[in-house]
Amino acid sequence: MSDELFHYAIILTGILAFLAGFLLRSAWKAILDWIFHKTQRPRYLKPSIELKGGKIRDGETKGRGNQ
């Protein structure tokens, strides 16, 4: 009986440690994003793209080879 409880305690401790680590990682990333949100620019935005009439300029779609 004691061995079963010991094994259950080990499994439960492992699950709780995994969940706590996941929550700490998420909280740490959220804190860093909150601190540095003014200095960092989202990676998916490209400020060089200019829209003209709802279309992207030809130079942006063809690449740098034509320039």
Protein backbone atom coordinates (compact mmCIF):
# COMPACT_ATOMS: atom_id res chain seq x y z
CA MET A 1 0.00 0.00 0.00
CA SER A 2 2.78 2.40 0.86
CA ASP A 3 4.57 1.67 -2.42
CA GLU A 4 1.45 2.50 -4.45
CA LEU A 5 1.00 5.82 -2.71
CA PHE A 6 4.67 6.61 -3.23
CA HIS A 7 4.40 5.95 -6.98
CA TYR A 8 1.23 8.04 -7.24
CA ALA A 9 2.97 10.85 -5.37
CA ILE A 10 5.90 10.73 -7.80
CA ILE A 11 3.60 10.82 -10.84
CA LEU A 12 1.51 13.65 -9.38
CA THR A 13 4.64 15.63 -8.51
CA GLY A 14 5.95 15.23 -12.06
CA ILE A 15 2.69 16.43 -13.58
CA LEU A 16 2.51 19.41 -11.24
CA ALA A 17 6.15 20.31 -11.95
CA PHE A 18 5.49 20.20 -15.70
CA LEU A 19 2.43 22.44 -15.38
CA ALA A 20 4.24 24.86 -13.08
CA GLY A 21 7.17 25.08 -15.52
CA PHE A 22 4.82 25.74 -18.42
CA LEU A 23 3.02 28.49 -16.49
CA LEU A 24 6.30 30.08 -15.39
CA ARG A 25 7.57 30.06 -18.98
CA SER A 26 4.38 31.70 -20.24
CA ALA A 27 4.43 34.28 -17.46
CA TRP A 28 8.11 35.08 -18.11
CA LYS A 29 7.47 35.61 -21.83
CA ALA A 30 4.46 37.81 -21.06
CA ILE A 31 6.49 39.92 -18.64
CA LEU A 32 9.32 40.36 -21.15
CA ASP A 33 6.86 41.29 -23.90
CA TRP A 34 5.22 43.82 -21.59
CA ILE A 35 8.57 45.40 -20.67
CA PHE A 36 10.01 45.56 -24.19
CA HIS A 37 6.84 46.19 -26.18
CA LYS A 38 7.89 49.72 -27.16
CA THR A 39 11.36 48.83 -28.43
CA GLN A 40 10.50 45.74 -30.48
CA ARG A 41 8.68 45.71 -33.79
CA PRO A 42 6.62 42.68 -34.80
CA ARG A 43 8.54 40.42 -37.17
CA TYR A 44 5.66 40.01 -39.57
CA LEU A 45 5.42 43.73 -40.40
CA LYS A 46 7.56 45.00 -43.26
CA PRO A 47 7.72 48.80 -43.13
CA SER A 48 9.25 48.99 -46.62
CA ILE A 49 6.05 47.79 -48.28
CA GLU A 50 3.95 50.67 -49.50
CA LEU A 51 0.43 50.21 -50.75
CA LYS A 52 -0.72 52.07 -53.84
CA GLY A 53 -4.31 51.61 -54.84
CA GLY A 54 -4.60 48.44 -52.78
CA LYS A 55 -1.67 46.76 -54.53
CA ILE A 56 1.91 46.24 -53.49
CA ARG A 57 4.52 48.04 -55.57
CA ASP A 58 6.11 45.98 -58.34
CA GLY A 59 9.55 46.39 -56.81
CA GLU A 60 8.44 44.64 -53.62
CA THR A 61 6.96 41.65 -55.42
CA LYS A 62 9.81 41.07 -57.87
CA GLY A 63 12.60 41.29 -55.31
CA ARG A 64 15.86 43.18 -55.34
CA GLY A 65 17.14 41.78 -58.63
CA ASN A 66 15.49 44.50 -60.71
CA GLN A 67 16.73 47.41 -58.65
